[in-house]
Amino acid sequence: MAIQEFVVRERDGLWEVRLGGRLLSGQPTRREALSVAEALVHAAALRGERCRILAGTFDGVTVEFQVIEPPRQPAADGA
């Protein structure tokens, strides 16, 4: 199953949240951009998608956050 990668990075003084190269949000601080990315990841996980956040740092290093898995579905037989 593919993993959606939400990327948080600073560009021209704005912290962007991107998915597949598409700009989803621009925030004035890294913390605010991470909050937006976390909300988007959890919403996607509830839709059954595997996701993670990749965040750029001030020195150009990329930090990878844990993969968020969709919630487990109960077994059809109730077990």
N, C-alpha and C. Protein backbone atom coordinates (compact mmCIF):
# COMPACT_ATOMS: atom_id res chain seq x y z
N MET A 1 0.85 -1.17 0.00
CA MET A 1 0.00 0.00 0.00
C MET A 1 0.90 1.25 0.00
N ALA A 2 0.60 2.20 -0.84
CA ALA A 2 1.39 3.42 -0.95
C ALA A 2 1.24 4.29 0.30
N ILE A 3 2.25 5.09 0.56
CA ILE A 3 2.23 6.01 1.69
C ILE A 3 2.19 7.43 1.15
N GLN A 4 1.22 8.20 1.62
CA GLN A 4 1.16 9.61 1.24
C GLN A 4 2.15 10.38 2.11
N GLU A 5 2.97 11.21 1.49
CA GLU A 5 3.96 11.98 2.22
C GLU A 5 3.58 13.46 2.22
N PHE A 6 3.28 13.96 3.40
CA PHE A 6 3.01 15.38 3.58
C PHE A 6 4.35 16.04 3.92
N VAL A 7 4.76 17.00 3.10
CA VAL A 7 6.07 17.63 3.25
C VAL A 7 5.90 19.04 3.80
N VAL A 8 6.64 19.32 4.89
CA VAL A 8 6.64 20.65 5.50
C VAL A 8 8.03 21.24 5.25
N ARG A 9 8.05 22.42 4.64
CA ARG A 9 9.34 23.06 4.37
C ARG A 9 9.17 24.56 4.31
N GLU A 10 10.29 25.26 4.54
CA GLU A 10 10.30 26.72 4.49
C GLU A 10 10.69 27.15 3.09
N ARG A 11 9.94 28.10 2.58
CA ARG A 11 10.23 28.64 1.25
C ARG A 11 9.85 30.11 1.23
N ASP A 12 10.83 30.94 1.01
CA ASP A 12 10.63 32.40 0.92
C ASP A 12 9.91 32.95 2.15
N GLY A 13 10.32 32.48 3.34
CA GLY A 13 9.75 33.01 4.59
C GLY A 13 8.41 32.43 4.99
N LEU A 14 7.91 31.47 4.23
CA LEU A 14 6.62 30.85 4.54
C LEU A 14 6.82 29.35 4.70
N TRP A 15 6.20 28.77 5.71
CA TRP A 15 6.28 27.32 5.92
C TRP A 15 5.13 26.67 5.17
N GLU A 16 5.49 25.86 4.18
CA GLU A 16 4.51 25.21 3.31
C GLU A 16 4.21 23.79 3.76
N VAL A 17 2.98 23.36 3.48
CA VAL A 17 2.58 21.96 3.63
C VAL A 17 2.19 21.51 2.23
N ARG A 18 2.88 20.47 1.73
CA ARG A 18 2.64 19.99 0.38
C ARG A 18 2.34 18.50 0.38
N LEU A 19 1.57 18.07 -0.58
CA LEU A 19 1.29 16.65 -0.81
C LEU A 19 1.42 16.42 -2.30
N GLY A 20 2.36 15.56 -2.68
CA GLY A 20 2.57 15.28 -4.09
C GLY A 20 2.91 16.51 -4.90
N GLY A 21 3.64 17.43 -4.31
CA GLY A 21 4.02 18.66 -5.01
C GLY A 21 2.95 19.74 -5.01
N ARG A 22 1.77 19.41 -4.51
CA ARG A 22 0.66 20.37 -4.49
C ARG A 22 0.67 21.13 -3.16
N LEU A 23 0.64 22.44 -3.20
CA LEU A 23 0.61 23.26 -2.01
C LEU A 23 -0.77 23.17 -1.36
N LEU A 24 -0.79 22.72 -0.09
CA LEU A 24 -2.04 22.61 0.64
C LEU A 24 -2.24 23.76 1.62
N SER A 25 -1.13 24.28 2.15
CA SER A 25 -1.23 25.34 3.15
C SER A 25 0.09 26.08 3.25
N GLY A 26 0.02 27.33 3.63
CA GLY A 26 1.19 28.13 3.94
C GLY A 26 0.99 28.77 5.30
N GLN A 27 1.97 28.63 6.18
CA GLN A 27 1.85 29.12 7.55
C GLN A 27 3.07 29.97 7.90
N PRO A 28 2.90 30.91 8.84
CA PRO A 28 4.02 31.78 9.20
C PRO A 28 5.11 31.10 10.03
N THR A 29 4.78 29.99 10.72
CA THR A 29 5.78 29.31 11.54
C THR A 29 5.82 27.82 11.23
N ARG A 30 6.94 27.21 11.58
CA ARG A 30 7.09 25.77 11.37
C ARG A 30 6.08 25.00 12.22
N ARG A 31 5.90 25.43 13.47
CA ARG A 31 4.97 24.75 14.38
C ARG A 31 3.54 24.77 13.81
N GLU A 32 3.12 25.89 13.28
CA GLU A 32 1.78 25.97 12.71
C GLU A 32 1.64 25.08 11.47
N ALA A 33 2.68 25.04 10.65
CA ALA A 33 2.65 24.17 9.47
C ALA A 33 2.61 22.70 9.89
N LEU A 34 3.35 22.33 10.92
CA LEU A 34 3.30 20.95 11.42
C LEU A 34 1.93 20.61 11.97
N SER A 35 1.29 21.55 12.63
CA SER A 35 -0.07 21.32 13.15
C SER A 35 -1.05 21.05 12.02
N VAL A 36 -0.94 21.83 10.94
CA VAL A 36 -1.80 21.61 9.78
C VAL A 36 -1.52 20.24 9.18
N ALA A 37 -0.24 19.90 9.03
CA ALA A 37 0.13 18.60 8.45
C ALA A 37 -0.39 17.45 9.32
N GLU A 38 -0.28 17.58 10.64
CA GLU A 38 -0.79 16.54 11.54
C GLU A 38 -2.30 16.36 11.38
N ALA A 39 -3.03 17.45 11.27
CA ALA A 39 -4.48 17.36 11.08
C ALA A 39 -4.82 16.68 9.76
N LEU A 40 -4.09 17.01 8.70
CA LEU A 40 -4.33 16.41 7.38
C LEU A 40 -4.00 14.92 7.39
N VAL A 41 -2.91 14.55 8.08
CA VAL A 41 -2.51 13.14 8.16
C VAL A 41 -3.56 12.33 8.91
N HIS A 42 -4.04 12.85 10.01
CA HIS A 42 -5.05 12.10 10.77
C HIS A 42 -6.37 11.97 10.00
N ALA A 43 -6.75 13.00 9.28
CA ALA A 43 -7.96 12.92 8.46
C ALA A 43 -7.79 11.87 7.36
N ALA A 44 -6.61 11.85 6.73
CA ALA A 44 -6.35 10.86 5.68
C ALA A 44 -6.34 9.45 6.26
N ALA A 45 -5.78 9.27 7.45
CA ALA A 45 -5.76 7.95 8.09
C ALA A 45 -7.17 7.46 8.37
N LEU A 46 -8.04 8.36 8.77
CA LEU A 46 -9.44 7.97 9.00
C LEU A 46 -10.14 7.54 7.72
N ARG A 47 -9.63 8.03 6.57
CA ARG A 47 -10.17 7.60 5.28
C ARG A 47 -9.52 6.30 4.79
N GLY A 48 -8.60 5.75 5.59
CA GLY A 48 -7.98 4.48 5.25
C GLY A 48 -6.65 4.59 4.53
N GLU A 49 -6.03 5.76 4.54
CA GLU A 49 -4.77 5.97 3.83
C GLU A 49 -3.60 5.96 4.80
N ARG A 50 -2.46 5.37 4.37
CA ARG A 50 -1.23 5.40 5.15
C ARG A 50 -0.51 6.70 4.83
N CYS A 51 0.00 7.37 5.86
CA CYS A 51 0.61 8.69 5.67
C CYS A 51 1.82 8.86 6.58
N ARG A 52 2.64 9.84 6.24
CA ARG A 52 3.70 10.29 7.12
C ARG A 52 4.00 11.75 6.81
N ILE A 53 4.69 12.37 7.73
CA ILE A 53 5.10 13.76 7.57
C ILE A 53 6.61 13.80 7.42
N LEU A 54 7.08 14.52 6.43
CA LEU A 54 8.49 14.81 6.25
C LEU A 54 8.66 16.31 6.46
N ALA A 55 9.52 16.69 7.40
CA ALA A 55 9.67 18.10 7.73
C ALA A 55 11.11 18.54 7.54
N GLY A 56 11.29 19.62 6.82
CA GLY A 56 12.61 20.20 6.65
C GLY A 56 12.97 21.02 7.88
N THR A 57 14.27 21.08 8.16
CA THR A 57 14.76 21.89 9.28
C THR A 57 15.49 23.10 8.74
N PHE A 58 15.89 23.98 9.63
CA PHE A 58 16.57 25.21 9.20
C PHE A 58 17.91 24.93 8.54
N ASP A 59 18.55 23.81 8.91
CA ASP A 59 19.87 23.50 8.33
C ASP A 59 19.79 22.55 7.14
N GLY A 60 18.59 22.33 6.60
CA GLY A 60 18.43 21.53 5.39
C GLY A 60 18.26 20.04 5.59
N VAL A 61 18.22 19.59 6.83
CA VAL A 61 18.02 18.17 7.12
C VAL A 61 16.52 17.88 7.09
N THR A 62 16.16 16.70 6.59
CA THR A 62 14.75 16.30 6.58
C THR A 62 14.49 15.32 7.71
N VAL A 63 13.48 15.61 8.51
CA VAL A 63 13.09 14.75 9.61
C VAL A 63 11.84 13.99 9.18
N GLU A 64 11.88 12.67 9.34
CA GLU A 64 10.74 11.82 8.96
C GLU A 64 9.99 11.40 10.22
N PHE A 65 8.70 11.66 10.25
CA PHE A 65 7.86 11.27 11.37
C PHE A 65 7.30 9.88 11.13
N GLN A 66 6.82 9.27 12.17
CA GLN A 66 6.26 7.92 12.12
C GLN A 66 5.14 7.82 11.09
N VAL A 67 5.05 6.66 10.42
CA VAL A 67 3.96 6.41 9.49
C VAL A 67 2.68 6.25 10.29
N ILE A 68 1.64 6.93 9.87
CA ILE A 68 0.33 6.84 10.51
C ILE A 68 -0.50 5.83 9.73
N GLU A 69 -0.91 4.79 10.40
CA GLU A 69 -1.70 3.73 9.77
C GLU A 69 -3.19 4.01 9.97
N PRO A 70 -4.01 3.55 9.02
CA PRO A 70 -5.47 3.65 9.21
C PRO A 70 -5.89 2.82 10.41
N PRO A 71 -6.99 3.19 11.05
CA PRO A 71 -7.48 2.39 12.18
C PRO A 71 -7.82 0.97 11.72
N ARG A 72 -7.60 0.01 12.60
CA ARG A 72 -7.95 -1.37 12.26
C ARG A 72 -9.45 -1.52 12.24
N GLN A 73 -9.92 -2.27 11.27
CA GLN A 73 -11.34 -2.56 11.16
C GLN A 73 -11.66 -3.82 11.95
N PRO A 74 -12.78 -3.85 12.66
CA PRO A 74 -13.15 -5.07 13.39
C PRO A 74 -13.41 -6.22 12.41
N ALA A 75 -13.12 -7.42 12.85
CA ALA A 75 -13.36 -8.59 12.01
C ALA A 75 -14.84 -8.72 11.72
N ALA A 76 -15.15 -9.26 10.53
CA ALA A 76 -16.53 -9.38 10.08
C ALA A 76 -17.34 -10.31 10.99
N ASP A 77 -16.66 -11.28 11.62
CA ASP A 77 -17.39 -12.22 12.48
C ASP A 77 -17.51 -11.74 13.92
N GLY A 78 -17.05 -10.49 14.17
CA GLY A 78 -17.17 -9.92 15.50
C GLY A 78 -16.05 -10.32 16.44
N ALA A 79 -15.05 -11.07 15.96
CA ALA A 79 -13.95 -11.52 16.82
C ALA A 79 -12.91 -10.45 17.00
